[in-house]
Amino acid sequence: MPSTSNYSTPPCAACKFLRRKCLPSCVFAPYFPPEEPIKFTTVHKVFGASNVSKLLNEIQPHQRQDAVNSLAYEAEARLKDPVYGCVGAISVLQRQVLRLQKELDATNADLMRYANYEKVNNNQERNNFQYGRRMVNSGYYNYSSAWNNGISGGHNNIGTDNCDGGR
């Protein structure tokens, strides 16, 4: 006589961990599959199987998957950081966001200063070109006045010790 087995599917991770028979009405089975035994183990270590069972029975079935995912995340965070859990991770990330925001603001300010410098510098060069000047040692050298002083003014700097055109 062939024997029939109630284990057409393997027991869920929770029932396997708790060493009990996994019934078709098992509240854990849909959320803790046998392929993910560590997920239940961490949740059980932090919250306890009884508390998780009560929680899952009290909430609506369509909300249970999200609740289990949240429990698993919080349990993993609690094992890494027993005092703060996921709040510690959130705090670290918020500080990082603030630091990066300040860095971004500083970089944007630098870009604006550079863009304004380039704009002013380009306008200055355009104006200097229009008026016949060029920059020499961060000062202006006016071609037209030098040309006029040398030719039409009759004053020549050659052989003089001062720079006032020999006047």
N, C-alpha and C. Protein backbone atom coordinates (compact mmCIF):
# COMPACT_ATOMS: atom_id res chain seq x y z
N MET A 1 0.83 -1.15 0.00
CA MET A 1 0.00 0.00 0.00
C MET A 1 0.89 1.24 0.00
N PRO A 2 0.69 2.11 -1.00
CA PRO A 2 1.54 3.29 -1.06
C PRO A 2 1.20 4.25 0.07
N SER A 3 2.23 4.82 0.64
CA SER A 3 2.01 5.79 1.71
C SER A 3 1.95 7.19 1.12
N THR A 4 1.05 7.96 1.63
CA THR A 4 0.94 9.35 1.18
C THR A 4 1.63 10.23 2.20
N SER A 5 2.28 11.23 1.71
CA SER A 5 3.03 12.11 2.59
C SER A 5 2.39 13.49 2.60
N ASN A 6 2.34 14.09 3.75
CA ASN A 6 1.83 15.46 3.87
C ASN A 6 2.86 16.47 3.41
N TYR A 7 4.08 16.01 3.17
CA TYR A 7 5.17 16.91 2.79
C TYR A 7 5.38 16.93 1.29
N SER A 8 4.35 17.36 0.56
CA SER A 8 4.54 17.51 -0.87
C SER A 8 5.48 18.68 -1.13
N THR A 9 5.47 19.61 -0.23
CA THR A 9 6.43 20.72 -0.28
C THR A 9 7.21 20.69 1.03
N PRO A 10 8.43 21.13 0.98
CA PRO A 10 9.22 21.13 2.22
C PRO A 10 8.64 22.14 3.22
N PRO A 11 8.91 21.97 4.49
CA PRO A 11 8.39 22.91 5.49
C PRO A 11 9.02 24.28 5.33
N CYS A 12 8.29 25.28 5.73
CA CYS A 12 8.81 26.65 5.64
C CYS A 12 10.01 26.80 6.57
N ALA A 13 10.76 27.87 6.39
CA ALA A 13 11.96 28.10 7.19
C ALA A 13 11.64 28.22 8.67
N ALA A 14 10.47 28.79 8.99
CA ALA A 14 10.08 28.95 10.39
C ALA A 14 9.80 27.61 11.04
N CYS A 15 8.99 26.79 10.39
CA CYS A 15 8.65 25.48 10.95
C CYS A 15 9.88 24.58 11.03
N LYS A 16 10.75 24.68 10.06
CA LYS A 16 11.98 23.89 10.10
C LYS A 16 12.86 24.32 11.26
N PHE A 17 12.99 25.63 11.47
CA PHE A 17 13.80 26.13 12.57
C PHE A 17 13.19 25.75 13.92
N LEU A 18 11.86 25.87 14.01
CA LEU A 18 11.16 25.57 15.27
C LEU A 18 10.90 24.08 15.46
N ARG A 19 11.27 23.28 14.47
CA ARG A 19 11.11 21.82 14.48
C ARG A 19 9.67 21.41 14.77
N ARG A 20 8.81 21.94 13.94
CA ARG A 20 7.40 21.57 14.06
C ARG A 20 6.85 21.27 12.67
N LYS A 21 5.72 20.65 12.66
CA LYS A 21 5.09 20.28 11.40
C LYS A 21 4.51 21.52 10.74
N CYS A 22 4.78 21.69 9.47
CA CYS A 22 4.29 22.86 8.72
C CYS A 22 2.94 22.52 8.12
N LEU A 23 1.90 23.09 8.65
CA LEU A 23 0.53 22.84 8.20
C LEU A 23 0.19 23.76 7.03
N PRO A 24 -0.80 23.40 6.25
CA PRO A 24 -1.22 24.29 5.14
C PRO A 24 -1.68 25.67 5.63
N SER A 25 -2.12 25.75 6.87
CA SER A 25 -2.58 27.04 7.41
C SER A 25 -1.46 27.80 8.13
N CYS A 26 -0.23 27.38 7.95
CA CYS A 26 0.91 28.02 8.63
C CYS A 26 1.01 29.49 8.21
N VAL A 27 1.03 30.39 9.19
CA VAL A 27 1.09 31.82 8.94
C VAL A 27 2.45 32.25 8.41
N PHE A 28 3.48 31.46 8.72
CA PHE A 28 4.84 31.80 8.30
C PHE A 28 5.16 31.37 6.86
N ALA A 29 4.52 30.32 6.38
CA ALA A 29 4.90 29.68 5.11
C ALA A 29 4.99 30.64 3.92
N PRO A 30 4.02 31.53 3.71
CA PRO A 30 4.13 32.41 2.53
C PRO A 30 5.27 33.42 2.60
N TYR A 31 5.76 33.70 3.81
CA TYR A 31 6.71 34.80 3.98
C TYR A 31 8.13 34.34 4.33
N PHE A 32 8.26 33.11 4.78
CA PHE A 32 9.57 32.56 5.12
C PHE A 32 9.76 31.24 4.38
N PRO A 33 10.06 31.30 3.09
CA PRO A 33 10.22 30.06 2.30
C PRO A 33 11.42 29.25 2.77
N PRO A 34 11.42 27.95 2.46
CA PRO A 34 12.52 27.10 2.92
C PRO A 34 13.87 27.51 2.34
N GLU A 35 13.89 28.24 1.23
CA GLU A 35 15.15 28.67 0.61
C GLU A 35 15.81 29.83 1.37
N GLU A 36 15.08 30.46 2.30
CA GLU A 36 15.60 31.61 3.03
C GLU A 36 15.57 31.37 4.55
N PRO A 37 16.33 30.40 5.02
CA PRO A 37 16.26 30.11 6.46
C PRO A 37 16.86 31.22 7.33
N ILE A 38 17.83 31.96 6.81
CA ILE A 38 18.47 33.01 7.61
C ILE A 38 17.49 34.16 7.87
N LYS A 39 16.59 34.40 6.93
CA LYS A 39 15.61 35.47 7.11
C LYS A 39 14.78 35.22 8.38
N PHE A 40 14.27 34.01 8.53
CA PHE A 40 13.48 33.73 9.74
C PHE A 40 14.36 33.71 10.98
N THR A 41 15.55 33.17 10.87
CA THR A 41 16.45 33.08 12.02
C THR A 41 16.73 34.45 12.61
N THR A 42 17.02 35.41 11.76
CA THR A 42 17.31 36.77 12.26
C THR A 42 16.07 37.41 12.87
N VAL A 43 14.90 37.23 12.22
CA VAL A 43 13.66 37.79 12.76
C VAL A 43 13.34 37.16 14.10
N HIS A 44 13.53 35.85 14.21
CA HIS A 44 13.25 35.13 15.45
C HIS A 44 14.19 35.58 16.57
N LYS A 45 15.47 35.79 16.25
CA LYS A 45 16.43 36.21 17.28
C LYS A 45 16.05 37.56 17.89
N VAL A 46 15.56 38.46 17.07
CA VAL A 46 15.27 39.81 17.54
C VAL A 46 13.86 39.93 18.11
N PHE A 47 12.87 39.39 17.42
CA PHE A 47 11.47 39.61 17.80
C PHE A 47 10.81 38.40 18.45
N GLY A 48 11.29 37.21 18.18
CA GLY A 48 10.66 36.01 18.71
C GLY A 48 9.56 35.51 17.80
N ALA A 49 9.46 34.20 17.63
CA ALA A 49 8.48 33.60 16.73
C ALA A 49 7.05 33.89 17.18
N SER A 50 6.83 33.87 18.46
CA SER A 50 5.48 34.10 18.99
C SER A 50 5.00 35.51 18.68
N ASN A 51 5.87 36.50 18.88
CA ASN A 51 5.50 37.89 18.59
C ASN A 51 5.25 38.10 17.10
N VAL A 52 6.08 37.49 16.27
CA VAL A 52 5.91 37.63 14.82
C VAL A 52 4.60 36.98 14.39
N SER A 53 4.28 35.82 14.96
CA SER A 53 3.03 35.12 14.65
C SER A 53 1.83 35.99 15.04
N LYS A 54 1.86 36.58 16.22
CA LYS A 54 0.77 37.46 16.67
C LYS A 54 0.63 38.65 15.75
N LEU A 55 1.75 39.25 15.40
CA LEU A 55 1.72 40.41 14.52
C LEU A 55 1.10 40.07 13.16
N LEU A 56 1.53 38.94 12.58
CA LEU A 56 1.01 38.56 11.26
C LEU A 56 -0.48 38.24 11.31
N ASN A 57 -0.94 37.69 12.42
CA ASN A 57 -2.36 37.37 12.53
C ASN A 57 -3.21 38.62 12.75
N GLU A 58 -2.63 39.69 13.29
CA GLU A 58 -3.39 40.90 13.58
C GLU A 58 -3.52 41.85 12.39
N ILE A 59 -2.64 41.75 11.42
CA ILE A 59 -2.69 42.70 10.29
C ILE A 59 -3.38 42.05 9.09
N GLN A 60 -3.80 42.88 8.18
CA GLN A 60 -4.49 42.42 6.98
C GLN A 60 -3.56 41.58 6.11
N PRO A 61 -4.08 40.56 5.44
CA PRO A 61 -3.22 39.69 4.62
C PRO A 61 -2.45 40.44 3.54
N HIS A 62 -3.02 41.50 2.96
CA HIS A 62 -2.31 42.23 1.90
C HIS A 62 -1.15 43.07 2.44
N GLN A 63 -1.09 43.26 3.76
CA GLN A 63 -0.02 44.04 4.38
C GLN A 63 1.08 43.16 4.97
N ARG A 64 0.87 41.87 4.99
CA ARG A 64 1.80 40.98 5.68
C ARG A 64 3.18 40.91 5.03
N GLN A 65 3.23 40.89 3.71
CA GLN A 65 4.53 40.81 3.03
C GLN A 65 5.39 42.02 3.37
N ASP A 66 4.79 43.20 3.35
CA ASP A 66 5.53 44.42 3.70
C ASP A 66 5.98 44.37 5.16
N ALA A 67 5.11 43.87 6.04
CA ALA A 67 5.46 43.77 7.46
C ALA A 67 6.64 42.81 7.66
N VAL A 68 6.62 41.68 6.98
CA VAL A 68 7.71 40.71 7.11
C VAL A 68 9.01 41.30 6.57
N ASN A 69 8.94 42.00 5.44
CA ASN A 69 10.14 42.64 4.89
C ASN A 69 10.70 43.67 5.86
N SER A 70 9.81 44.45 6.49
CA SER A 70 10.25 45.44 7.47
C SER A 70 10.87 44.78 8.69
N LEU A 71 10.24 43.71 9.17
CA LEU A 71 10.79 42.97 10.31
C LEU A 71 12.16 42.40 9.99
N ALA A 72 12.30 41.85 8.80
CA ALA A 72 13.59 41.26 8.41
C ALA A 72 14.66 42.33 8.32
N TYR A 73 14.30 43.48 7.76
CA TYR A 73 15.27 44.57 7.65
C TYR A 73 15.68 45.07 9.03
N GLU A 74 14.69 45.30 9.89
CA GLU A 74 14.98 45.80 11.25
C GLU A 74 15.77 44.76 12.04
N ALA A 75 15.44 43.50 11.89
CA ALA A 75 16.17 42.45 12.61
C ALA A 75 17.64 42.41 12.19
N GLU A 76 17.86 42.50 10.89
CA GLU A 76 19.24 42.50 10.40
C GLU A 76 20.00 43.73 10.91
N ALA A 77 19.33 44.87 10.92
CA ALA A 77 19.96 46.09 11.41
C ALA A 77 20.23 46.00 12.91
N ARG A 78 19.32 45.40 13.65
CA ARG A 78 19.51 45.23 15.10
C ARG A 78 20.67 44.30 15.42
N LEU A 79 20.87 43.30 14.59
CA LEU A 79 22.01 42.40 14.82
C LEU A 79 23.33 43.11 14.55
N LYS A 80 23.33 44.01 13.57
CA LYS A 80 24.54 44.77 13.26
C LYS A 80 24.78 45.88 14.29
N ASP A 81 23.70 46.54 14.70
CA ASP A 81 23.79 47.65 15.65
C ASP A 81 22.70 47.47 16.70
N PRO A 82 22.99 46.77 17.79
CA PRO A 82 21.96 46.44 18.79
C PRO A 82 21.30 47.65 19.45
N VAL A 83 21.98 48.76 19.51
CA VAL A 83 21.42 49.93 20.19
C VAL A 83 20.47 50.71 19.29
N TYR A 84 20.93 51.07 18.11
CA TYR A 84 20.14 51.95 17.24
C TYR A 84 19.42 51.23 16.11
N GLY A 85 19.86 50.07 15.72
CA GLY A 85 19.20 49.34 14.63
C GLY A 85 19.21 50.13 13.34
N CYS A 86 18.08 50.12 12.65
CA CYS A 86 18.02 50.82 11.36
C CYS A 86 18.01 52.34 11.54
N VAL A 87 17.65 52.82 12.72
CA VAL A 87 17.68 54.27 12.97
C VAL A 87 19.12 54.78 12.90
N GLY A 88 20.07 53.97 13.36
CA GLY A 88 21.48 54.35 13.25
C GLY A 88 21.90 54.48 11.81
N ALA A 89 21.47 53.54 10.97
CA ALA A 89 21.80 53.60 9.54
C ALA A 89 21.17 54.82 8.89
N ILE A 90 19.94 55.10 9.26
CA ILE A 90 19.24 56.28 8.71
C ILE A 90 19.96 57.55 9.13
N SER A 91 20.39 57.61 10.38
CA SER A 91 21.10 58.79 10.87
C SER A 91 22.42 59.00 10.12
N VAL A 92 23.15 57.92 9.90
CA VAL A 92 24.41 58.02 9.15
C VAL A 92 24.14 58.52 7.73
N LEU A 93 23.10 58.00 7.11
CA LEU A 93 22.78 58.42 5.74
C LEU A 93 22.32 59.88 5.70
N GLN A 94 21.56 60.32 6.70
CA GLN A 94 21.14 61.72 6.73
C GLN A 94 22.34 62.66 6.89
N ARG A 95 23.28 62.29 7.75
CA ARG A 95 24.50 63.12 7.89
C ARG A 95 25.28 63.16 6.58
N GLN A 96 25.33 62.02 5.90
CA GLN A 96 26.04 61.97 4.62
C GLN A 96 25.35 62.86 3.59
N VAL A 97 24.02 62.84 3.57
CA VAL A 97 23.28 63.70 2.64
C VAL A 97 23.56 65.17 2.94
N LEU A 98 23.55 65.55 4.21
CA LEU A 98 23.84 66.94 4.57
C LEU A 98 25.25 67.35 4.15
N ARG A 99 26.22 66.46 4.39
CA ARG A 99 27.61 66.76 4.01
C ARG A 99 27.72 66.91 2.49
N LEU A 100 27.08 66.02 1.77
CA LEU A 100 27.14 66.09 0.31
C LEU A 100 26.40 67.32 -0.22
N GLN A 101 25.31 67.71 0.46
CA GLN A 101 24.58 68.92 0.04
C GLN A 101 25.46 70.15 0.22
N LYS A 102 26.18 70.22 1.34
CA LYS A 102 27.09 71.36 1.56
C LYS A 102 28.20 71.37 0.51
N GLU A 103 28.72 70.20 0.20
CA GLU A 103 29.77 70.10 -0.82
C GLU A 103 29.24 70.53 -2.18
N LEU A 104 28.01 70.12 -2.49
CA LEU A 104 27.40 70.52 -3.76
C LEU A 104 27.17 72.02 -3.81
N ASP A 105 26.71 72.60 -2.71
CA ASP A 105 26.50 74.05 -2.66
C ASP A 105 27.82 74.80 -2.86
N ALA A 106 28.88 74.32 -2.21
CA ALA A 106 30.19 74.96 -2.36
C ALA A 106 30.69 74.85 -3.80
N THR A 107 30.49 73.70 -4.40
CA THR A 107 30.93 73.50 -5.79
C THR A 107 30.13 74.39 -6.73
N ASN A 108 28.82 74.49 -6.50
CA ASN A 108 27.99 75.37 -7.33
C ASN A 108 28.41 76.83 -7.17
N ALA A 109 28.76 77.23 -5.95
CA ALA A 109 29.23 78.60 -5.73
C ALA A 109 30.55 78.83 -6.48
N ASP A 110 31.44 77.85 -6.44
CA ASP A 110 32.70 77.96 -7.18
C ASP A 110 32.44 78.09 -8.68
N LEU A 111 31.51 77.30 -9.17
CA LEU A 111 31.17 77.37 -10.60
C LEU A 111 30.60 78.74 -10.97
N MET A 112 29.75 79.28 -10.10
CA MET A 112 29.19 80.60 -10.38
C MET A 112 30.28 81.66 -10.37
N ARG A 113 31.21 81.58 -9.40
CA ARG A 113 32.31 82.54 -9.36
C ARG A 113 33.15 82.41 -10.63
N TYR A 114 33.43 81.21 -11.03
CA TYR A 114 34.24 81.00 -12.23
C TYR A 114 33.51 81.53 -13.47
N ALA A 115 32.20 81.24 -13.56
CA ALA A 115 31.42 81.70 -14.71
C ALA A 115 31.37 83.22 -14.74
N ASN A 116 31.18 83.86 -13.58
CA ASN A 116 31.16 85.32 -13.53
C ASN A 116 32.53 85.89 -13.86
N TYR A 117 33.60 85.27 -13.37
CA TYR A 117 34.95 85.72 -13.66
C TYR A 117 35.20 85.65 -15.16
N GLU A 118 34.81 84.53 -15.75
CA GLU A 118 35.01 84.37 -17.20
C GLU A 118 34.18 85.40 -17.97
N LYS A 119 32.97 85.66 -17.51
CA LYS A 119 32.10 86.63 -18.18
C LYS A 119 32.71 88.03 -18.10
N VAL A 120 33.15 88.41 -16.90
CA VAL A 120 33.77 89.72 -16.72
C VAL A 120 35.06 89.80 -17.52
N ASN A 121 35.87 88.77 -17.46
CA ASN A 121 37.14 88.74 -18.16
C ASN A 121 36.92 88.82 -19.67
N ASN A 122 35.93 88.09 -20.18
CA ASN A 122 35.65 88.14 -21.62
C ASN A 122 35.15 89.52 -22.03
N ASN A 123 34.31 90.14 -21.22
CA ASN A 123 33.83 91.49 -21.52
C ASN A 123 34.98 92.49 -21.50
N GLN A 124 35.88 92.33 -20.52
CA GLN A 124 37.04 93.22 -20.42
C GLN A 124 37.92 93.09 -21.65
N GLU A 125 38.18 91.86 -22.07
CA GLU A 125 39.01 91.65 -23.26
C GLU A 125 38.34 92.22 -24.50
N ARG A 126 37.02 92.05 -24.60
CA ARG A 126 36.29 92.60 -25.75
C ARG A 126 36.39 94.12 -25.74
N ASN A 127 36.20 94.75 -24.57
CA ASN A 127 36.31 96.21 -24.47
C ASN A 127 37.73 96.67 -24.76
N ASN A 128 38.72 95.98 -24.26
CA ASN A 128 40.12 96.35 -24.50
C ASN A 128 40.46 96.26 -25.97
N PHE A 129 39.94 95.24 -26.63
CA PHE A 129 40.21 95.10 -28.05
C PHE A 129 39.57 96.25 -28.82
N GLN A 130 38.35 96.63 -28.42
CA GLN A 130 37.65 97.71 -29.12
C GLN A 130 38.38 99.05 -28.96
N TYR A 131 39.01 99.28 -27.83
CA TYR A 131 39.67 100.56 -27.58
C TYR A 131 41.17 100.52 -27.85
N GLY A 132 41.67 99.45 -28.45
CA GLY A 132 43.07 99.38 -28.83
C GLY A 132 44.01 99.18 -27.66
N ARG A 133 43.60 98.51 -26.60
CA ARG A 133 44.46 98.26 -25.45
C ARG A 133 44.74 96.77 -25.35
N ARG A 134 45.84 96.47 -24.70
CA ARG A 134 46.10 95.08 -24.36
C ARG A 134 46.63 95.05 -22.95
N MET A 135 46.50 93.91 -22.29
CA MET A 135 46.96 93.78 -20.91
C MET A 135 48.46 93.54 -20.90
N VAL A 136 49.20 94.27 -20.07
CA VAL A 136 50.62 94.05 -19.89
C VAL A 136 50.89 94.08 -18.39
N ASN A 137 51.38 92.97 -17.86
CA ASN A 137 51.69 92.86 -16.43
C ASN A 137 50.53 93.35 -15.56
N SER A 138 49.35 92.84 -15.84
CA SER A 138 48.11 93.15 -15.12
C SER A 138 47.79 94.65 -15.11
N GLY A 139 48.29 95.37 -16.07
CA GLY A 139 47.95 96.77 -16.26
C GLY A 139 47.66 96.99 -17.73
N TYR A 140 47.13 98.12 -18.07
CA TYR A 140 46.83 98.37 -19.47
C TYR A 140 48.00 99.05 -20.15
N TYR A 141 48.21 98.71 -21.39
CA TYR A 141 49.18 99.40 -22.22
C TYR A 141 48.40 99.97 -23.38
N ASN A 142 48.32 101.23 -23.49
CA ASN A 142 47.52 101.89 -24.51
C ASN A 142 48.38 102.14 -25.72
N TYR A 143 48.09 101.40 -26.78
CA TYR A 143 48.86 101.54 -28.02
C TYR A 143 48.73 102.94 -28.62
N SER A 144 47.51 103.44 -28.59
CA SER A 144 47.29 104.72 -29.27
C SER A 144 48.08 105.85 -28.62
N SER A 145 48.14 105.91 -27.28
CA SER A 145 48.88 107.00 -26.65
C SER A 145 50.38 106.81 -26.82
N ALA A 146 50.85 105.57 -26.78
CA ALA A 146 52.28 105.33 -27.00
C ALA A 146 52.66 105.71 -28.42
N TRP A 147 51.83 105.39 -29.34
CA TRP A 147 52.09 105.71 -30.73
C TRP A 147 52.09 107.22 -30.92
N ASN A 148 51.10 107.88 -30.34
CA ASN A 148 51.01 109.33 -30.49
C ASN A 148 52.17 110.03 -29.81
N ASN A 149 52.58 109.58 -28.63
CA ASN A 149 53.69 110.21 -27.92
C ASN A 149 54.99 110.05 -28.70
N GLY A 150 55.18 108.93 -29.31
CA GLY A 150 56.43 108.68 -30.02
C GLY A 150 56.51 109.43 -31.32
N ILE A 151 55.40 109.63 -31.99
CA ILE A 151 55.48 110.22 -33.32
C ILE A 151 55.03 111.68 -33.32
N SER A 152 53.82 111.92 -32.87
CA SER A 152 53.31 113.27 -33.01
C SER A 152 53.65 114.17 -31.84
N GLY A 153 53.93 113.64 -30.68
CA GLY A 153 54.21 114.48 -29.52
C GLY A 153 55.61 115.02 -29.51
N GLY A 154 56.49 114.40 -30.24
CA GLY A 154 57.85 114.88 -30.29
C GLY A 154 58.64 114.52 -29.06
N HIS A 155 58.04 113.92 -28.07
CA HIS A 155 58.75 113.54 -26.87
C HIS A 155 59.19 112.11 -26.99
N ASN A 156 60.43 111.85 -26.67
CA ASN A 156 60.98 110.52 -26.81
C ASN A 156 61.62 110.12 -25.50
N ASN A 157 61.45 108.90 -25.09
CA ASN A 157 62.01 108.42 -23.84
C ASN A 157 63.46 107.99 -23.97
N ILE A 158 63.97 108.03 -25.15
CA ILE A 158 65.35 107.53 -25.34
C ILE A 158 66.32 108.49 -24.70
N GLY A 159 67.20 107.94 -23.87
CA GLY A 159 68.23 108.72 -23.23
C GLY A 159 67.78 109.45 -21.99
N THR A 160 66.58 109.22 -21.53
CA THR A 160 66.12 109.88 -20.29
C THR A 160 66.04 108.85 -19.19
N ASP A 161 66.21 109.31 -17.97
CA ASP A 161 66.15 108.42 -16.82
C ASP A 161 64.75 108.30 -16.25
N ASN A 162 63.90 109.21 -16.55
CA ASN A 162 62.55 109.13 -16.02
C ASN A 162 61.59 108.62 -17.08
N CYS A 163 60.39 108.28 -16.62
CA CYS A 163 59.42 107.67 -17.53
C CYS A 163 58.33 108.65 -17.91
N ASP A 164 58.58 109.95 -17.77
CA ASP A 164 57.51 110.89 -18.10
C ASP A 164 57.66 111.43 -19.51
N GLY A 165 58.35 110.70 -20.36
CA GLY A 165 58.48 111.11 -21.75
C GLY A 165 59.50 112.22 -21.93
N GLY A 166 60.37 112.46 -21.01
CA GLY A 166 61.39 113.49 -21.14
C GLY A 166 60.89 114.86 -20.82
N ARG A 167 59.80 115.00 -20.21
CA ARG A 167 59.21 116.31 -19.92
C ARG A 167 59.69 116.86 -18.64
